[in-house]
């Protein structure tokens, strides 16, 4: 399968794993070794300033810390829109990407236009994501900067599915528990 880096993975209605139920994942990198991304629509109740005050120079300390996925839940990842990232960022698409480990945040504040902090990430072994896409667990959609930094992340799953149109728009309006309809 070709790389889906820079695209959104929208959890299909049959994906009931609690780590990914109704999630939207930005795939940052996808190659023959595996894939890496962050869940965009799981804000926590913890603020960035409370949990990682050292990021206050680049991430608004009053923003929620997002749950990026089940892998390495103690690691912090910064997703940003970069003016000129140089080698400091791994770009997913256009000017959106993540800070590379070891990049000094204080040197990047002028280069960042938007930033969000995530704990943990989503990760797949070689071929695993390809298999999940092929089996219908994930729906693909090109990512947009407004998806990565939306004001209402809890509504992102429905919004992105509605944007795809057709039968996806119907799925977007599906209640969380269809048996309660």
Foldseek 3Di string as FASTA:
>chain_A
DDDQQQKWWAFDCPPPDVQRHRWIWHWLDQDQFWTWTFTQQAFDPQFCCVPPVQLVLAAPRRGTAGAGTDAQQADKKKWFQFQPCDPQFRGRDDRITIGDPPRRNVVGNVGTPHMHMHGGHDITGRPGVVVCVVVPRTDIDRDDPCQNVPPNSNLSSLVRLVVVDDVSNVVSPQDSDNVVD
